[in-house]
Amino acid sequence: IESRSLEKGFYYIGYIGRLSKQKGVDVFIKAINKVVKSNPKIKGLIIGDGEERKKLEKLTNELNAKKNICFLGYQNNIDYWLNQIEFVILPSRWEGLPLIPIETFANGKTIIVSNIPSNCEIVNDKYNGLIFKKDNVDDLVNKIKSMIAQKDALEKHAYDTYIN
């Protein structure tokens, strides 16, 4: 995928952040790979760079998921990408204060986050986003399917969270 030309007719789900063990991008890749089996129109976009990139690309290859998961590298226009995707997934294993949920809400989008304390301070489950059990690929798969079904309602609350 060229960084400015996404294929039409696909449903893009994004990860935005550093590619490190802390961020749980491997969980994102495994979950997208499973969701694609029941919905082949889904693609995962990984926006960011870091020390785990080669390892994550290798995992993507091993899962035969290269056509459904795209590594876009570091991008400096996050607002542009937030407008290209349907929602964001933040599968972190630990965080300080994550900014991605706030940036996501500011762009009128919603998010699925892992159930670590800092994420749960920002995301109110089933109100402005969804929360899954950290490191649990199957729970994330279920939350992705649930998000696809109720994204519009959650987006409204996500943006309201940001402006209030």
N, C-alpha and C. Protein backbone atom coordinates (compact mmCIF):
# COMPACT_ATOMS: atom_id res chain seq x y z
N ILE A 1 0.86 -1.19 0.00
CA ILE A 1 0.00 0.00 0.00
C ILE A 1 0.89 1.24 0.00
N GLU A 2 0.65 2.11 -0.92
CA GLU A 2 1.32 3.41 -0.91
C GLU A 2 0.76 4.18 0.28
N SER A 3 1.60 4.98 0.91
CA SER A 3 1.13 5.62 2.13
C SER A 3 -0.01 6.61 1.90
N ARG A 4 -0.31 6.98 0.68
CA ARG A 4 -1.42 7.90 0.45
C ARG A 4 -2.54 7.31 -0.39
N SER A 5 -2.46 6.04 -0.75
CA SER A 5 -3.53 5.49 -1.60
C SER A 5 -3.98 4.13 -1.09
N LEU A 6 -5.01 4.16 -0.27
CA LEU A 6 -5.58 2.92 0.24
C LEU A 6 -6.55 2.36 -0.79
N GLU A 7 -6.58 1.03 -0.88
CA GLU A 7 -7.51 0.39 -1.81
C GLU A 7 -8.95 0.65 -1.38
N LYS A 8 -9.79 0.94 -2.33
CA LYS A 8 -11.21 1.17 -2.05
C LYS A 8 -11.89 -0.16 -1.74
N GLY A 9 -12.98 -0.09 -0.99
CA GLY A 9 -13.78 -1.27 -0.72
C GLY A 9 -13.32 -2.11 0.46
N PHE A 10 -12.33 -1.62 1.20
CA PHE A 10 -11.86 -2.35 2.38
C PHE A 10 -12.21 -1.59 3.65
N TYR A 11 -12.24 -2.31 4.75
CA TYR A 11 -12.55 -1.77 6.07
C TYR A 11 -11.24 -1.74 6.84
N TYR A 12 -10.68 -0.55 7.04
CA TYR A 12 -9.36 -0.41 7.65
C TYR A 12 -9.44 -0.19 9.16
N ILE A 13 -8.68 -1.01 9.87
CA ILE A 13 -8.57 -0.92 11.32
C ILE A 13 -7.11 -0.59 11.61
N GLY A 14 -6.86 0.39 12.48
CA GLY A 14 -5.50 0.86 12.67
C GLY A 14 -4.90 0.63 14.03
N TYR A 15 -3.58 0.46 14.01
CA TYR A 15 -2.75 0.55 15.22
C TYR A 15 -1.83 1.72 14.95
N ILE A 16 -1.71 2.62 15.92
CA ILE A 16 -0.82 3.77 15.78
C ILE A 16 0.08 3.82 17.00
N GLY A 17 1.38 3.77 16.79
CA GLY A 17 2.30 3.86 17.91
C GLY A 17 3.63 3.19 17.63
N ARG A 18 4.41 3.12 18.68
CA ARG A 18 5.74 2.51 18.59
C ARG A 18 5.60 1.00 18.45
N LEU A 19 6.50 0.40 17.70
CA LEU A 19 6.49 -1.05 17.52
C LEU A 19 7.47 -1.65 18.54
N SER A 20 6.94 -1.91 19.74
CA SER A 20 7.74 -2.47 20.81
C SER A 20 6.90 -3.52 21.54
N LYS A 21 7.56 -4.37 22.33
CA LYS A 21 6.86 -5.43 23.07
C LYS A 21 5.77 -4.83 23.95
N GLN A 22 6.05 -3.69 24.57
CA GLN A 22 5.11 -3.00 25.45
C GLN A 22 3.76 -2.77 24.78
N LYS A 23 3.78 -2.48 23.49
CA LYS A 23 2.57 -2.03 22.80
C LYS A 23 1.65 -3.16 22.34
N GLY A 24 2.11 -4.42 22.38
CA GLY A 24 1.24 -5.55 22.05
C GLY A 24 0.80 -5.64 20.60
N VAL A 25 1.63 -5.14 19.69
CA VAL A 25 1.26 -5.14 18.27
C VAL A 25 1.11 -6.57 17.75
N ASP A 26 1.81 -7.52 18.35
CA ASP A 26 1.66 -8.93 17.95
C ASP A 26 0.22 -9.40 18.19
N VAL A 27 -0.41 -8.91 19.23
CA VAL A 27 -1.81 -9.27 19.54
C VAL A 27 -2.72 -8.67 18.46
N PHE A 28 -2.45 -7.44 18.05
CA PHE A 28 -3.19 -6.79 16.96
C PHE A 28 -3.10 -7.63 15.69
N ILE A 29 -1.89 -8.03 15.32
CA ILE A 29 -1.67 -8.81 14.09
C ILE A 29 -2.43 -10.13 14.14
N LYS A 30 -2.31 -10.85 15.25
CA LYS A 30 -2.98 -12.16 15.38
C LYS A 30 -4.50 -12.00 15.33
N ALA A 31 -5.02 -10.94 15.96
CA ALA A 31 -6.47 -10.73 15.97
C ALA A 31 -6.99 -10.36 14.58
N ILE A 32 -6.30 -9.45 13.90
CA ILE A 32 -6.72 -9.06 12.55
C ILE A 32 -6.70 -10.30 11.65
N ASN A 33 -5.66 -11.11 11.78
CA ASN A 33 -5.54 -12.31 10.96
C ASN A 33 -6.74 -13.24 11.17
N LYS A 34 -7.22 -13.36 12.41
CA LYS A 34 -8.39 -14.21 12.68
C LYS A 34 -9.68 -13.58 12.16
N VAL A 35 -9.84 -12.27 12.33
CA VAL A 35 -11.06 -11.58 11.90
C VAL A 35 -11.21 -11.66 10.38
N VAL A 36 -10.10 -11.57 9.67
CA VAL A 36 -10.10 -11.59 8.20
C VAL A 36 -10.69 -12.91 7.67
N LYS A 37 -10.53 -13.98 8.42
CA LYS A 37 -11.04 -15.27 7.97
C LYS A 37 -12.57 -15.25 7.82
N SER A 38 -13.26 -14.46 8.66
CA SER A 38 -14.72 -14.36 8.53
C SER A 38 -15.14 -13.09 7.79
N ASN A 39 -14.22 -12.14 7.63
CA ASN A 39 -14.53 -10.91 6.91
C ASN A 39 -13.32 -10.48 6.09
N PRO A 40 -13.18 -11.00 4.86
CA PRO A 40 -11.97 -10.75 4.05
C PRO A 40 -11.82 -9.30 3.58
N LYS A 41 -12.80 -8.45 3.84
CA LYS A 41 -12.70 -7.04 3.44
C LYS A 41 -11.98 -6.18 4.49
N ILE A 42 -11.51 -6.81 5.57
CA ILE A 42 -10.81 -6.07 6.63
C ILE A 42 -9.31 -6.06 6.35
N LYS A 43 -8.71 -4.91 6.59
CA LYS A 43 -7.25 -4.78 6.54
C LYS A 43 -6.79 -4.05 7.79
N GLY A 44 -5.65 -4.48 8.31
CA GLY A 44 -5.04 -3.83 9.46
C GLY A 44 -3.91 -2.92 8.99
N LEU A 45 -3.91 -1.68 9.47
CA LEU A 45 -2.84 -0.74 9.16
C LEU A 45 -2.01 -0.52 10.42
N ILE A 46 -0.71 -0.71 10.29
CA ILE A 46 0.20 -0.49 11.41
C ILE A 46 1.01 0.75 11.09
N ILE A 47 0.74 1.81 11.86
CA ILE A 47 1.38 3.10 11.64
C ILE A 47 2.35 3.34 12.79
N GLY A 48 3.62 3.36 12.46
CA GLY A 48 4.64 3.56 13.48
C GLY A 48 5.86 2.72 13.16
N ASP A 49 6.89 2.92 13.95
CA ASP A 49 8.13 2.19 13.75
C ASP A 49 8.72 1.86 15.12
N GLY A 50 9.73 1.00 15.14
CA GLY A 50 10.35 0.67 16.41
C GLY A 50 11.16 -0.61 16.31
N GLU A 51 11.74 -0.96 17.44
CA GLU A 51 12.69 -2.08 17.51
C GLU A 51 12.07 -3.43 17.18
N GLU A 52 10.77 -3.58 17.28
CA GLU A 52 10.12 -4.87 17.00
C GLU A 52 9.64 -5.01 15.56
N ARG A 53 9.87 -4.02 14.70
CA ARG A 53 9.28 -4.04 13.36
C ARG A 53 9.62 -5.32 12.59
N LYS A 54 10.89 -5.69 12.53
CA LYS A 54 11.28 -6.88 11.76
C LYS A 54 10.61 -8.14 12.32
N LYS A 55 10.57 -8.25 13.63
CA LYS A 55 9.93 -9.39 14.29
C LYS A 55 8.44 -9.44 13.96
N LEU A 56 7.78 -8.28 13.96
CA LEU A 56 6.35 -8.21 13.66
C LEU A 56 6.08 -8.50 12.18
N GLU A 57 6.96 -8.04 11.30
CA GLU A 57 6.82 -8.36 9.88
C GLU A 57 7.00 -9.86 9.65
N LYS A 58 7.93 -10.47 10.40
CA LYS A 58 8.15 -11.91 10.30
C LYS A 58 6.90 -12.67 10.76
N LEU A 59 6.30 -12.22 11.87
CA LEU A 59 5.06 -12.84 12.37
C LEU A 59 3.96 -12.73 11.30
N THR A 60 3.84 -11.57 10.68
CA THR A 60 2.84 -11.36 9.63
C THR A 60 3.06 -12.34 8.48
N ASN A 61 4.32 -12.52 8.08
CA ASN A 61 4.65 -13.47 7.01
C ASN A 61 4.31 -14.90 7.43
N GLU A 62 4.68 -15.27 8.66
CA GLU A 62 4.43 -16.63 9.15
C GLU A 62 2.93 -16.94 9.19
N LEU A 63 2.11 -15.93 9.45
CA LEU A 63 0.66 -16.12 9.50
C LEU A 63 0.02 -16.03 8.12
N ASN A 64 0.85 -15.79 7.11
CA ASN A 64 0.34 -15.62 5.73
C ASN A 64 -0.63 -14.45 5.66
N ALA A 65 -0.32 -13.37 6.37
CA ALA A 65 -1.25 -12.25 6.51
C ALA A 65 -0.79 -10.98 5.80
N LYS A 66 0.22 -11.11 4.94
CA LYS A 66 0.78 -9.91 4.30
C LYS A 66 -0.23 -9.12 3.49
N LYS A 67 -1.21 -9.79 2.90
CA LYS A 67 -2.16 -9.04 2.08
C LYS A 67 -3.22 -8.33 2.92
N ASN A 68 -3.29 -8.65 4.21
CA ASN A 68 -4.30 -8.05 5.09
C ASN A 68 -3.73 -7.11 6.15
N ILE A 69 -2.41 -7.10 6.29
CA ILE A 69 -1.78 -6.25 7.30
C ILE A 69 -0.68 -5.45 6.63
N CYS A 70 -0.79 -4.13 6.74
CA CYS A 70 0.14 -3.23 6.05
C CYS A 70 0.94 -2.43 7.05
N PHE A 71 2.25 -2.47 6.92
CA PHE A 71 3.15 -1.67 7.75
C PHE A 71 3.43 -0.38 7.00
N LEU A 72 2.98 0.74 7.55
CA LEU A 72 3.17 2.04 6.89
C LEU A 72 4.37 2.81 7.44
N GLY A 73 5.00 2.30 8.51
CA GLY A 73 6.13 3.01 9.08
C GLY A 73 5.70 4.27 9.79
N TYR A 74 6.68 5.08 10.14
CA TYR A 74 6.39 6.34 10.83
C TYR A 74 5.66 7.28 9.88
N GLN A 75 4.60 7.90 10.37
CA GLN A 75 3.83 8.89 9.60
C GLN A 75 3.69 10.13 10.48
N ASN A 76 3.91 11.29 9.91
CA ASN A 76 3.81 12.49 10.74
C ASN A 76 2.43 13.13 10.73
N ASN A 77 1.52 12.66 9.88
CA ASN A 77 0.18 13.25 9.82
C ASN A 77 -0.85 12.25 10.35
N ILE A 78 -0.89 12.13 11.67
CA ILE A 78 -1.78 11.15 12.31
C ILE A 78 -3.25 11.47 12.04
N ASP A 79 -3.60 12.76 12.01
CA ASP A 79 -5.00 13.12 11.73
C ASP A 79 -5.44 12.58 10.37
N TYR A 80 -4.56 12.66 9.37
CA TYR A 80 -4.90 12.13 8.05
C TYR A 80 -5.24 10.64 8.16
N TRP A 81 -4.40 9.88 8.86
CA TRP A 81 -4.60 8.42 8.96
C TRP A 81 -5.82 8.08 9.80
N LEU A 82 -6.07 8.86 10.84
CA LEU A 82 -7.27 8.61 11.65
C LEU A 82 -8.53 8.80 10.82
N ASN A 83 -8.48 9.64 9.82
CA ASN A 83 -9.64 9.82 8.95
C ASN A 83 -9.76 8.74 7.88
N GLN A 84 -8.73 7.95 7.67
CA GLN A 84 -8.76 6.86 6.68
C GLN A 84 -9.25 5.55 7.28
N ILE A 85 -9.12 5.42 8.60
CA ILE A 85 -9.46 4.14 9.25
C ILE A 85 -10.83 4.22 9.92
N GLU A 86 -11.39 3.06 10.20
CA GLU A 86 -12.70 2.98 10.86
C GLU A 86 -12.58 3.17 12.37
N PHE A 87 -11.59 2.52 12.97
CA PHE A 87 -11.32 2.68 14.39
C PHE A 87 -9.90 2.21 14.69
N VAL A 88 -9.46 2.47 15.91
CA VAL A 88 -8.09 2.19 16.35
C VAL A 88 -8.12 1.08 17.39
N ILE A 89 -7.04 0.31 17.43
CA ILE A 89 -6.84 -0.68 18.50
C ILE A 89 -5.53 -0.33 19.20
N LEU A 90 -5.59 -0.25 20.53
CA LEU A 90 -4.40 -0.01 21.34
C LEU A 90 -4.24 -1.21 22.28
N PRO A 91 -3.46 -2.23 21.87
CA PRO A 91 -3.37 -3.48 22.63
C PRO A 91 -2.23 -3.52 23.66
N SER A 92 -1.90 -2.36 24.24
CA SER A 92 -0.73 -2.23 25.12
C SER A 92 -0.73 -3.20 26.29
N ARG A 93 0.49 -3.62 26.64
CA ARG A 93 0.69 -4.46 27.83
C ARG A 93 0.88 -3.57 29.06
N TRP A 94 1.44 -2.38 28.87
CA TRP A 94 1.55 -1.37 29.92
C TRP A 94 1.71 -0.02 29.25
N GLU A 95 1.31 1.05 29.93
CA GLU A 95 1.34 2.41 29.39
C GLU A 95 1.54 3.40 30.52
N GLY A 96 1.96 4.60 30.15
CA GLY A 96 1.90 5.74 31.05
C GLY A 96 0.53 6.35 30.82
N LEU A 97 0.49 7.55 30.25
CA LEU A 97 -0.78 8.14 29.81
C LEU A 97 -0.79 8.07 28.30
N PRO A 98 -1.56 7.17 27.72
CA PRO A 98 -1.57 7.04 26.27
C PRO A 98 -2.30 8.21 25.61
N LEU A 99 -1.69 8.79 24.58
CA LEU A 99 -2.31 9.91 23.87
C LEU A 99 -3.19 9.47 22.71
N ILE A 100 -2.95 8.27 22.19
CA ILE A 100 -3.71 7.81 21.02
C ILE A 100 -5.22 7.79 21.26
N PRO A 101 -5.73 7.36 22.42
CA PRO A 101 -7.19 7.43 22.59
C PRO A 101 -7.72 8.87 22.47
N ILE A 102 -6.99 9.82 23.03
CA ILE A 102 -7.42 11.22 22.99
C ILE A 102 -7.39 11.74 21.55
N GLU A 103 -6.30 11.44 20.82
CA GLU A 103 -6.21 11.86 19.42
C GLU A 103 -7.32 11.19 18.59
N THR A 104 -7.60 9.94 18.89
CA THR A 104 -8.65 9.21 18.18
C THR A 104 -10.00 9.88 18.42
N PHE A 105 -10.32 10.16 19.68
CA PHE A 105 -11.58 10.84 20.01
C PHE A 105 -11.67 12.20 19.34
N ALA A 106 -10.55 12.94 19.32
CA ALA A 106 -10.53 14.28 18.71
C ALA A 106 -10.89 14.24 17.23
N ASN A 107 -10.62 13.11 16.60
CA ASN A 107 -10.93 12.94 15.17
C ASN A 107 -12.28 12.27 14.95
N GLY A 108 -13.07 12.16 16.02
CA GLY A 108 -14.41 11.60 15.89
C GLY A 108 -14.44 10.10 15.66
N LYS A 109 -13.38 9.43 16.05
CA LYS A 109 -13.30 7.98 15.89
C LYS A 109 -13.33 7.32 17.27
N THR A 110 -13.45 6.02 17.28
CA THR A 110 -13.47 5.29 18.54
C THR A 110 -12.32 4.27 18.57
N ILE A 111 -12.21 3.55 19.68
CA ILE A 111 -11.01 2.75 19.92
C ILE A 111 -11.35 1.50 20.74
N ILE A 112 -10.54 0.47 20.54
CA ILE A 112 -10.55 -0.71 21.40
C ILE A 112 -9.20 -0.71 22.13
N VAL A 113 -9.23 -0.83 23.45
CA VAL A 113 -7.99 -0.81 24.23
C VAL A 113 -7.90 -2.05 25.12
N SER A 114 -6.67 -2.38 25.52
CA SER A 114 -6.47 -3.45 26.49
C SER A 114 -6.88 -2.93 27.87
N ASN A 115 -7.17 -3.86 28.77
CA ASN A 115 -7.72 -3.49 30.08
C ASN A 115 -6.66 -3.13 31.12
N ILE A 116 -5.65 -2.38 30.72
CA ILE A 116 -4.66 -1.91 31.68
C ILE A 116 -5.18 -0.60 32.30
N PRO A 117 -4.76 -0.28 33.53
CA PRO A 117 -5.35 0.87 34.23
C PRO A 117 -5.34 2.20 33.45
N SER A 118 -4.23 2.56 32.83
CA SER A 118 -4.18 3.87 32.16
C SER A 118 -5.15 3.95 30.99
N ASN A 119 -5.34 2.85 30.26
CA ASN A 119 -6.33 2.84 29.17
C ASN A 119 -7.75 2.98 29.72
N CYS A 120 -8.00 2.31 30.84
CA CYS A 120 -9.35 2.30 31.43
C CYS A 120 -9.72 3.65 32.05
N GLU A 121 -8.72 4.51 32.29
CA GLU A 121 -9.00 5.86 32.78
C GLU A 121 -9.60 6.73 31.67
N ILE A 122 -9.30 6.41 30.42
CA ILE A 122 -9.72 7.22 29.28
C ILE A 122 -10.92 6.62 28.56
N VAL A 123 -10.91 5.30 28.41
CA VAL A 123 -11.96 4.62 27.65
C VAL A 123 -12.98 4.02 28.61
N ASN A 124 -14.24 4.38 28.39
CA ASN A 124 -15.35 3.87 29.17
C ASN A 124 -15.99 2.75 28.33
N ASP A 125 -15.81 1.52 28.77
CA ASP A 125 -16.24 0.35 27.99
C ASP A 125 -17.71 0.43 27.58
N LYS A 126 -17.95 0.20 26.30
CA LYS A 126 -19.28 0.20 25.68
C LYS A 126 -19.92 1.59 25.65
N TYR A 127 -19.16 2.64 26.00
CA TYR A 127 -19.68 4.01 25.92
C TYR A 127 -18.95 4.79 24.82
N ASN A 128 -17.63 4.94 24.99
CA ASN A 128 -16.85 5.65 23.96
C ASN A 128 -15.81 4.75 23.29
N GLY A 129 -15.83 3.48 23.64
CA GLY A 129 -14.91 2.50 23.07
C GLY A 129 -15.18 1.14 23.68
N LEU A 130 -14.30 0.21 23.38
CA LEU A 130 -14.42 -1.14 23.95
C LEU A 130 -13.10 -1.52 24.61
N ILE A 131 -13.19 -2.38 25.61
CA ILE A 131 -12.01 -2.82 26.36
C ILE A 131 -11.93 -4.35 26.26
N PHE A 132 -10.72 -4.84 25.96
CA PHE A 132 -10.50 -6.29 25.91
C PHE A 132 -9.45 -6.70 26.92
N LYS A 133 -9.43 -8.00 27.24
CA LYS A 133 -8.45 -8.53 28.20
C LYS A 133 -7.05 -8.53 27.57
N LYS A 134 -6.13 -7.87 28.23
CA LYS A 134 -4.75 -7.75 27.76
C LYS A 134 -4.19 -9.10 27.31
N ASP A 135 -3.56 -9.11 26.15
CA ASP A 135 -2.90 -10.29 25.58
C ASP A 135 -3.87 -11.40 25.15
N ASN A 136 -5.17 -11.16 25.20
CA ASN A 136 -6.15 -12.20 24.86
C ASN A 136 -6.65 -11.97 23.43
N VAL A 137 -6.03 -12.68 22.48
CA VAL A 137 -6.34 -12.51 21.05
C VAL A 137 -7.81 -12.78 20.77
N ASP A 138 -8.36 -13.86 21.33
CA ASP A 138 -9.75 -14.21 21.05
C ASP A 138 -10.72 -13.15 21.59
N ASP A 139 -10.42 -12.59 22.75
CA ASP A 139 -11.28 -11.53 23.28
C ASP A 139 -11.20 -10.30 22.36
N LEU A 140 -10.01 -9.98 21.86
CA LEU A 140 -9.88 -8.86 20.93
C LEU A 140 -10.65 -9.13 19.64
N VAL A 141 -10.59 -10.35 19.13
CA VAL A 141 -11.35 -10.71 17.92
C VAL A 141 -12.84 -10.44 18.16
N ASN A 142 -13.35 -10.87 19.30
CA ASN A 142 -14.77 -10.64 19.63
C ASN A 142 -15.09 -9.16 19.73
N LYS A 143 -14.17 -8.38 20.31
CA LYS A 143 -14.40 -6.94 20.44
C LYS A 143 -14.35 -6.25 19.06
N ILE A 144 -13.49 -6.72 18.18
CA ILE A 144 -13.44 -6.15 16.82
C ILE A 144 -14.79 -6.37 16.13
N LYS A 145 -15.30 -7.59 16.21
CA LYS A 145 -16.60 -7.90 15.58
C LYS A 145 -17.70 -7.05 16.21
N SER A 146 -17.66 -6.89 17.51
CA SER A 146 -18.65 -6.08 18.22
C SER A 146 -18.53 -4.61 17.81
N MET A 147 -17.30 -4.12 17.68
CA MET A 147 -17.07 -2.72 17.29
C MET A 147 -17.63 -2.46 15.89
N ILE A 148 -17.42 -3.37 14.98
CA ILE A 148 -17.93 -3.20 13.61
C ILE A 148 -19.45 -3.01 13.65
N ALA A 149 -20.10 -3.73 14.56
CA ALA A 149 -21.56 -3.68 14.65
C ALA A 149 -22.08 -2.40 15.31
N GLN A 150 -21.28 -1.78 16.19
CA GLN A 150 -21.81 -0.63 16.96
C GLN A 150 -20.94 0.61 16.89
N LYS A 151 -20.08 0.69 15.89
CA LYS A 151 -19.11 1.78 15.78
C LYS A 151 -19.75 3.17 15.81
N ASP A 152 -20.84 3.37 15.10
CA ASP A 152 -21.42 4.71 14.99
C ASP A 152 -21.85 5.27 16.35
N ALA A 153 -22.50 4.46 17.16
CA ALA A 153 -22.94 4.92 18.48
C ALA A 153 -21.74 5.25 19.37
N LEU A 154 -20.72 4.41 19.32
CA LEU A 154 -19.53 4.65 20.15
C LEU A 154 -18.77 5.89 19.68
N GLU A 155 -18.74 6.13 18.37
CA GLU A 155 -18.04 7.31 17.84
C GLU A 155 -18.66 8.60 18.37
N LYS A 156 -19.98 8.64 18.45
CA LYS A 156 -20.64 9.85 18.93
C LYS A 156 -20.18 10.14 20.35
N HIS A 157 -20.16 9.13 21.21
CA HIS A 157 -19.73 9.33 22.59
C HIS A 157 -18.23 9.62 22.67
N ALA A 158 -17.46 9.03 21.76
CA ALA A 158 -16.01 9.27 21.75
C ALA A 158 -15.73 10.75 21.51
N TYR A 159 -16.37 11.32 20.51
CA TYR A 159 -16.15 12.75 20.21
C TYR A 159 -16.67 13.62 21.35
N ASP A 160 -17.84 13.27 21.93
CA ASP A 160 -18.37 14.02 23.07
C ASP A 160 -17.40 13.97 24.25
N THR A 161 -16.74 12.83 24.46
CA THR A 161 -15.74 12.71 25.52
C THR A 161 -14.62 13.71 25.31
N TYR A 162 -14.18 13.84 24.07
CA TYR A 162 -13.08 14.74 23.74
C TYR A 162 -13.46 16.20 23.96
N ILE A 163 -14.65 16.61 23.50
CA ILE A 163 -14.99 18.03 23.58
C ILE A 163 -15.47 18.46 24.95
N ASN A 164 -15.84 17.50 25.80
CA ASN A 164 -16.33 17.89 27.14
C ASN A 164 -15.26 17.85 28.17
